[in-house]
Amino acid sequence: MLKAVIFDYDGTLVDTIPQIYGEYLRAMKILGLREIGFDEFKRVIGLPWENVLTTLWPGIDVSEFSKVYRSGMESPKPFQDMDEVLRRLSKDYVLAMLTSRGEKTLTQQVNSLSLDMGLFKRVFHRNNTLYHKPDGRALKQVCESLSIASSDAVYVGDGFVDAECARNAGCRFIGVLSGGLSREDFEGVGVSEVISSISFLPKVL
């Protein structure tokens, strides 16, 4: 029985992925790093910051990249119907969030969006999780905090890392196409439930 809906943040609730990728492009050019295409980039989106960097550029000086990259400079734009969908679902399910974004920039963004964080019973970010995506224990930690089994929750996300995390946790997963992945991308990793955006989420739960 479905009891909880757990959301990713970037690319799922807010349209930030193109801006994040653009900032990576700017930083890599300044530092003279190997330029990565979006197809390569989308495979690591959702990992913790340091893991993204070391996966894309093994041996990189993370602190040097951090000096150039303007973290949190994105102008977050909520996807259409986000607020309405969250309020509607909160009447029937417990809502939570699991993101690899750090607490500082997450707080800055949700404040600028006037996102009602009171709708989420639990919010897990990079700074308060013992484990990180795609480790299934990250999602299990969320479920344990809600006193439910992983099988009683659904994770909604836009990336490969989100899908892998849900699979590792034994949790149902719904992929959204709002972060840059195609339906074929998701189907290629065994995801059968795919929607174009969270606007359609109430219809498929």
C-alpha atoms as a PDB file:
ATOM      1  CA  MET A   1       0.000   0.000   0.000  1.00  0.00           C
ATOM      2  CA  LEU A   2       1.433   3.362  -1.009  1.00  0.00           C
ATOM      3  CA  LYS A   3       1.934   5.600   2.006  1.00  0.00           C
ATOM      4  CA  ALA A   4       4.629   8.090   1.023  1.00  0.00           C
ATOM      5  CA  VAL A   5       5.800  10.032  -2.022  1.00  0.00           C
ATOM      6  CA  ILE A   6       9.469  11.027  -1.929  1.00  0.00           C
ATOM      7  CA  PHE A   7      10.760  13.657  -4.338  1.00  0.00           C
ATOM      8  CA  ASP A   8      14.109  14.530  -5.812  1.00  0.00           C
ATOM      9  CA  TYR A   9      14.606  18.309  -6.110  1.00  0.00           C
ATOM     10  CA  ASP A  10      16.647  19.494  -9.121  1.00  0.00           C
ATOM     11  CA  GLY A  11      15.025  18.598 -12.421  1.00  0.00           C
ATOM     12  CA  THR A  12      12.004  17.118 -10.668  1.00  0.00           C
ATOM     13  CA  LEU A  13      10.397  19.969  -8.738  1.00  0.00           C
ATOM     14  CA  VAL A  14      12.410  22.861 -10.179  1.00  0.00           C
ATOM     15  CA  ASP A  15      13.895  23.536 -13.607  1.00  0.00           C
ATOM     16  CA  THR A  16      17.592  23.978 -12.764  1.00  0.00           C
ATOM     17  CA  ILE A  17      19.424  21.280 -14.755  1.00  0.00           C
ATOM     18  CA  PRO A  18      20.158  23.415 -17.874  1.00  0.00           C
ATOM     19  CA  GLN A  19      21.541  26.188 -15.669  1.00  0.00           C
ATOM     20  CA  ILE A  20      23.641  23.784 -13.614  1.00  0.00           C
ATOM     21  CA  TYR A  21      25.106  22.266 -16.777  1.00  0.00           C
ATOM     22  CA  GLY A  22      25.799  25.748 -18.141  1.00  0.00           C
ATOM     23  CA  GLU A  23      27.731  26.652 -15.009  1.00  0.00           C
ATOM     24  CA  TYR A  24      29.751  23.429 -15.284  1.00  0.00           C
ATOM     25  CA  LEU A  25      30.601  24.369 -18.877  1.00  0.00           C
ATOM     26  CA  ARG A  26      31.742  27.816 -17.784  1.00  0.00           C
ATOM     27  CA  ALA A  27      33.921  26.426 -14.995  1.00  0.00           C
ATOM     28  CA  MET A  28      35.495  23.674 -17.106  1.00  0.00           C
ATOM     29  CA  LYS A  29      36.498  26.185 -19.778  1.00  0.00           C
ATOM     30  CA  ILE A  30      38.108  28.501 -17.234  1.00  0.00           C
ATOM     31  CA  LEU A  31      40.085  25.611 -15.755  1.00  0.00           C
ATOM     32  CA  GLY A  32      40.933  24.045 -19.111  1.00  0.00           C
ATOM     33  CA  LEU A  33      39.238  20.755 -18.281  1.00  0.00           C
ATOM     34  CA  ARG A  34      38.059  18.198 -20.803  1.00  0.00           C
ATOM     35  CA  GLU A  35      34.700  19.429 -22.041  1.00  0.00           C
ATOM     36  CA  ILE A  36      31.826  17.084 -21.342  1.00  0.00           C
ATOM     37  CA  GLY A  37      28.616  16.824 -23.324  1.00  0.00           C
ATOM     38  CA  PHE A  38      25.176  16.739 -21.763  1.00  0.00           C
ATOM     39  CA  ASP A  39      24.797  13.010 -22.485  1.00  0.00           C
ATOM     40  CA  GLU A  40      27.786  12.341 -20.249  1.00  0.00           C
ATOM     41  CA  PHE A  41      26.730  14.922 -17.689  1.00  0.00           C
ATOM     42  CA  LYS A  42      23.221  13.530 -17.232  1.00  0.00           C
ATOM     43  CA  ARG A  43      24.638  10.176 -16.155  1.00  0.00           C
ATOM     44  CA  VAL A  44      26.137  11.664 -13.001  1.00  0.00           C
ATOM     45  CA  ILE A  45      23.529  14.281 -12.081  1.00  0.00           C
ATOM     46  CA  GLY A  46      22.161  13.341  -8.677  1.00  0.00           C
ATOM     47  CA  LEU A  47      25.470  12.227  -7.223  1.00  0.00           C
ATOM     48  CA  PRO A  48      26.982  14.298  -4.409  1.00  0.00           C
ATOM     49  CA  TRP A  49      29.025  17.257  -5.674  1.00  0.00           C
ATOM     50  CA  GLU A  50      32.468  15.745  -5.069  1.00  0.00           C
ATOM     51  CA  ASN A  51      31.460  12.470  -6.716  1.00  0.00           C
ATOM     52  CA  VAL A  52      30.229  14.280  -9.826  1.00  0.00           C
ATOM     53  CA  LEU A  53      33.573  16.032 -10.207  1.00  0.00           C
ATOM     54  CA  THR A  54      35.807  13.028  -9.581  1.00  0.00           C
ATOM     55  CA  THR A  55      33.711  10.857 -11.896  1.00  0.00           C
ATOM     56  CA  LEU A  56      33.867  13.347 -14.758  1.00  0.00           C
ATOM     57  CA  TRP A  57      37.483  14.377 -14.191  1.00  0.00           C
ATOM     58  CA  PRO A  58      39.447  11.767 -12.201  1.00  0.00           C
ATOM     59  CA  GLY A  59      42.184  13.392 -10.143  1.00  0.00           C
ATOM     60  CA  ILE A  60      40.570  16.839 -10.234  1.00  0.00           C
ATOM     61  CA  ASP A  61      41.330  19.350  -7.493  1.00  0.00           C
ATOM     62  CA  VAL A  62      37.822  19.687  -6.076  1.00  0.00           C
ATOM     63  CA  SER A  63      38.691  22.782  -4.055  1.00  0.00           C
ATOM     64  CA  GLU A  64      40.030  24.540  -7.168  1.00  0.00           C
ATOM     65  CA  PHE A  65      36.839  23.779  -9.109  1.00  0.00           C
ATOM     66  CA  SER A  66      34.773  24.983  -6.167  1.00  0.00           C
ATOM     67  CA  LYS A  67      36.467  28.387  -6.308  1.00  0.00           C
ATOM     68  CA  VAL A  68      35.350  28.858  -9.911  1.00  0.00           C
ATOM     69  CA  TYR A  69      31.926  27.211  -9.874  1.00  0.00           C
ATOM     70  CA  ARG A  70      29.187  29.563  -8.685  1.00  0.00           C
ATOM     71  CA  SER A  71      27.165  27.148  -6.599  1.00  0.00           C
ATOM     72  CA  GLY A  72      23.579  28.120  -6.029  1.00  0.00           C
ATOM     73  CA  MET A  73      23.657  30.854  -8.657  1.00  0.00           C
ATOM     74  CA  GLU A  74      20.877  29.217 -10.633  1.00  0.00           C
ATOM     75  CA  SER A  75      17.600  31.092 -10.806  1.00  0.00           C
ATOM     76  CA  PRO A  76      15.222  28.316  -9.759  1.00  0.00           C
ATOM     77  CA  LYS A  77      11.968  28.057 -11.629  1.00  0.00           C
ATOM     78  CA  PRO A  78       9.321  25.676 -10.312  1.00  0.00           C
ATOM     79  CA  PHE A  79       7.787  23.348 -12.838  1.00  0.00           C
ATOM     80  CA  GLN A  80       4.196  24.019 -13.795  1.00  0.00           C
ATOM     81  CA  ASP A  81       1.639  22.845 -11.225  1.00  0.00           C
ATOM     82  CA  MET A  82       4.342  22.017  -8.640  1.00  0.00           C
ATOM     83  CA  ASP A  83       2.596  23.717  -5.734  1.00  0.00           C
ATOM     84  CA  GLU A  84      -0.835  22.392  -6.686  1.00  0.00           C
ATOM     85  CA  VAL A  85       0.453  18.832  -7.081  1.00  0.00           C
ATOM     86  CA  LEU A  86       2.279  18.874  -3.744  1.00  0.00           C
ATOM     87  CA  ARG A  87      -0.737  20.224  -1.877  1.00  0.00           C
ATOM     88  CA  ARG A  88      -3.046  17.726  -3.523  1.00  0.00           C
ATOM     89  CA  LEU A  89      -0.813  14.750  -2.767  1.00  0.00           C
ATOM     90  CA  SER A  90      -0.199  15.857   0.825  1.00  0.00           C
ATOM     91  CA  LYS A  91      -3.867  15.161   1.559  1.00  0.00           C
ATOM     92  CA  ASP A  92      -3.471  11.455   0.804  1.00  0.00           C
ATOM     93  CA  TYR A  93       0.217  10.671   1.320  1.00  0.00           C
ATOM     94  CA  VAL A  94       3.162  11.603   3.468  1.00  0.00           C
ATOM     95  CA  LEU A  95       5.608  13.697   1.429  1.00  0.00           C
ATOM     96  CA  ALA A  96       9.385  13.765   1.780  1.00  0.00           C
ATOM     97  CA  MET A  97      12.417  14.930  -0.178  1.00  0.00           C
ATOM     98  CA  LEU A  98      15.767  13.291  -0.909  1.00  0.00           C
ATOM     99  CA  THR A  99      18.312  15.419  -2.778  1.00  0.00           C
ATOM    100  CA  SER A 100      22.079  15.479  -3.167  1.00  0.00           C
ATOM    101  CA  ARG A 101      22.030  19.276  -3.067  1.00  0.00           C
ATOM    102  CA  GLY A 102      23.637  20.838   0.000  1.00  0.00           C
ATOM    103  CA  GLU A 103      21.596  22.436   2.757  1.00  0.00           C
ATOM    104  CA  LYS A 104      22.822  25.999   2.114  1.00  0.00           C
ATOM    105  CA  THR A 105      21.825  26.309  -1.536  1.00  0.00           C
ATOM    106  CA  LEU A 106      18.667  24.238  -1.015  1.00  0.00           C
ATOM    107  CA  THR A 107      17.530  26.653   1.692  1.00  0.00           C
ATOM    108  CA  GLN A 108      18.383  29.658  -0.471  1.00  0.00           C
ATOM    109  CA  GLN A 109      16.405  28.302  -3.375  1.00  0.00           C
ATOM    110  CA  VAL A 110      13.276  27.177  -1.559  1.00  0.00           C
ATOM    111  CA  ASN A 111      13.115  30.560   0.181  1.00  0.00           C
ATOM    112  CA  SER A 112      13.275  32.369  -3.157  1.00  0.00           C
ATOM    113  CA  LEU A 113      10.569  30.066  -4.503  1.00  0.00           C
ATOM    114  CA  SER A 114       8.366  30.462  -1.440  1.00  0.00           C
ATOM    115  CA  LEU A 115       8.081  26.677  -1.512  1.00  0.00           C
ATOM    116  CA  ASP A 116       6.076  25.493   1.478  1.00  0.00           C
ATOM    117  CA  MET A 117       8.547  23.081   3.054  1.00  0.00           C
ATOM    118  CA  GLY A 118       5.932  22.321   5.675  1.00  0.00           C
ATOM    119  CA  LEU A 119       4.363  20.008   3.105  1.00  0.00           C
ATOM    120  CA  PHE A 120       7.360  17.687   3.487  1.00  0.00           C
ATOM    121  CA  LYS A 121       7.496  15.655   6.662  1.00  0.00           C
ATOM    122  CA  ARG A 122      11.184  14.910   6.094  1.00  0.00           C
ATOM    123  CA  VAL A 123      13.840  16.609   3.969  1.00  0.00           C
ATOM    124  CA  PHE A 124      17.154  14.851   3.444  1.00  0.00           C
ATOM    125  CA  HIS A 125      20.012  16.638   1.698  1.00  0.00           C
ATOM    126  CA  ARG A 126      23.749  16.139   1.292  1.00  0.00           C
ATOM    127  CA  ASN A 127      24.532  17.408   4.779  1.00  0.00           C
ATOM    128  CA  ASN A 128      22.164  15.307   6.873  1.00  0.00           C
ATOM    129  CA  THR A 129      22.294  11.881   5.227  1.00  0.00           C
ATOM    130  CA  LEU A 130      24.538   9.024   6.263  1.00  0.00           C
ATOM    131  CA  TYR A 131      24.473   7.651   2.723  1.00  0.00           C
ATOM    132  CA  HIS A 132      24.106   9.226  -0.687  1.00  0.00           C
ATOM    133  CA  LYS A 133      22.457   8.313  -3.974  1.00  0.00           C
ATOM    134  CA  PRO A 134      22.678   5.866  -5.675  1.00  0.00           C
ATOM    135  CA  ASP A 135      23.212   3.951  -2.407  1.00  0.00           C
ATOM    136  CA  GLY A 136      19.812   2.493  -1.586  1.00  0.00           C
ATOM    137  CA  ARG A 137      20.424   3.120   2.090  1.00  0.00           C
ATOM    138  CA  ALA A 138      19.901   6.836   1.435  1.00  0.00           C
ATOM    139  CA  LEU A 139      16.294   6.174   0.452  1.00  0.00           C
ATOM    140  CA  LYS A 140      15.857   3.568   3.173  1.00  0.00           C
ATOM    141  CA  GLN A 141      16.931   6.187   5.706  1.00  0.00           C
ATOM    142  CA  VAL A 142      14.108   8.431   4.522  1.00  0.00           C
ATOM    143  CA  CYS A 143      11.590   5.595   4.803  1.00  0.00           C
ATOM    144  CA  GLU A 144      12.816   4.625   8.260  1.00  0.00           C
ATOM    145  CA  SER A 145      12.397   8.220   9.415  1.00  0.00           C
ATOM    146  CA  LEU A 146       8.777   7.990   8.242  1.00  0.00           C
ATOM    147  CA  SER A 147       8.318   4.597   9.944  1.00  0.00           C
ATOM    148  CA  ILE A 148       7.372   2.888   6.693  1.00  0.00           C
ATOM    149  CA  ALA A 149       8.844   0.135   4.549  1.00  0.00           C
ATOM    150  CA  SER A 150      10.604   1.030   1.300  1.00  0.00           C
ATOM    151  CA  SER A 151       7.952  -0.956  -0.534  1.00  0.00           C
ATOM    152  CA  ASP A 152       5.296   1.455   0.770  1.00  0.00           C
ATOM    153  CA  ALA A 153       6.931   4.485  -0.858  1.00  0.00           C
ATOM    154  CA  VAL A 154       7.535   5.798  -4.359  1.00  0.00           C
ATOM    155  CA  TYR A 155      10.548   7.889  -5.332  1.00  0.00           C
ATOM    156  CA  VAL A 156      10.023  10.472  -8.063  1.00  0.00           C
ATOM    157  CA  GLY A 157      13.135  11.632  -9.890  1.00  0.00           C
ATOM    158  CA  ASP A 158      14.599  12.776 -13.180  1.00  0.00           C
ATOM    159  CA  GLY A 159      17.926  10.954 -13.368  1.00  0.00           C
ATOM    160  CA  PHE A 160      19.711   7.640 -13.726  1.00  0.00           C
ATOM    161  CA  VAL A 161      21.090   8.041 -10.204  1.00  0.00           C
ATOM    162  CA  ASP A 162      17.560   8.434  -8.819  1.00  0.00           C
ATOM    163  CA  ALA A 163      16.375   5.288 -10.583  1.00  0.00           C
ATOM    164  CA  GLU A 164      19.355   3.291  -9.341  1.00  0.00           C
ATOM    165  CA  CYS A 165      18.842   4.502  -5.781  1.00  0.00           C
ATOM    166  CA  ALA A 166      15.196   3.414  -5.813  1.00  0.00           C
ATOM    167  CA  ARG A 167      16.083   0.031  -7.270  1.00  0.00           C
ATOM    168  CA  ASN A 168      18.781  -0.498  -4.636  1.00  0.00           C
ATOM    169  CA  ALA A 169      16.286   0.374  -1.906  1.00  0.00           C
ATOM    170  CA  GLY A 170      13.531  -1.885  -3.217  1.00  0.00           C
ATOM    171  CA  CYS A 171      11.349   1.159  -3.766  1.00  0.00           C
ATOM    172  CA  ARG A 172       8.949   1.938  -6.589  1.00  0.00           C
ATOM    173  CA  PHE A 173      10.272   4.596  -8.948  1.00  0.00           C
ATOM    174  CA  ILE A 174       8.596   7.031 -11.322  1.00  0.00           C
ATOM    175  CA  GLY A 175      10.822   8.862 -13.781  1.00  0.00           C
ATOM    176  CA  VAL A 176      10.041  12.375 -14.971  1.00  0.00           C
ATOM    177  CA  LEU A 177      11.280  13.724 -18.299  1.00  0.00           C
ATOM    178  CA  SER A 178      11.779  17.256 -16.993  1.00  0.00           C
ATOM    179  CA  GLY A 179      15.484  16.867 -16.227  1.00  0.00           C
ATOM    180  CA  GLY A 180      16.823  15.974 -19.652  1.00  0.00           C
ATOM    181  CA  LEU A 181      16.465  12.199 -19.872  1.00  0.00           C
ATOM    182  CA  SER A 182      14.273  10.676 -22.557  1.00  0.00           C
ATOM    183  CA  ARG A 183      11.733   7.918 -22.174  1.00  0.00           C
ATOM    184  CA  GLU A 184      14.203   5.653 -23.995  1.00  0.00           C
ATOM    185  CA  ASP A 185      16.907   6.574 -21.472  1.00  0.00           C
ATOM    186  CA  PHE A 186      14.710   5.435 -18.615  1.00  0.00           C
ATOM    187  CA  GLU A 187      13.476   2.317 -20.389  1.00  0.00           C
ATOM    188  CA  GLY A 188      17.098   1.425 -21.101  1.00  0.00           C
ATOM    189  CA  VAL A 189      17.734   1.041 -17.369  1.00  0.00           C
ATOM    190  CA  GLY A 190      14.508  -0.826 -16.699  1.00  0.00           C
ATOM    191  CA  VAL A 191      12.234   2.035 -15.644  1.00  0.00           C
ATOM    192  CA  SER A 192       8.702   1.340 -16.847  1.00  0.00           C
ATOM    193  CA  GLU A 193       6.823   4.189 -15.166  1.00  0.00           C
ATOM    194  CA  VAL A 194       7.677   7.462 -16.887  1.00  0.00           C
ATOM    195  CA  ILE A 195       5.758  10.748 -16.990  1.00  0.00           C
ATOM    196  CA  SER A 196       6.572  14.001 -18.741  1.00  0.00           C
ATOM    197  CA  SER A 197       6.367  16.061 -15.547  1.00  0.00           C
ATOM    198  CA  ILE A 198       5.019  15.995 -12.005  1.00  0.00           C
ATOM    199  CA  SER A 199       1.779  17.491 -13.324  1.00  0.00           C
ATOM    200  CA  PHE A 200       0.782  13.941 -14.262  1.00  0.00           C
ATOM    201  CA  LEU A 201       1.868  12.347 -10.984  1.00  0.00           C
ATOM    202  CA  PRO A 202      -1.554  12.229  -9.261  1.00  0.00           C
ATOM    203  CA  LYS A 203      -2.919  10.218 -12.191  1.00  0.00           C
ATOM    204  CA  VAL A 204      -0.354   7.416 -11.933  1.00  0.00           C
ATOM    205  CA  LEU A 205      -0.126   6.858  -8.181  1.00  0.00           C
END
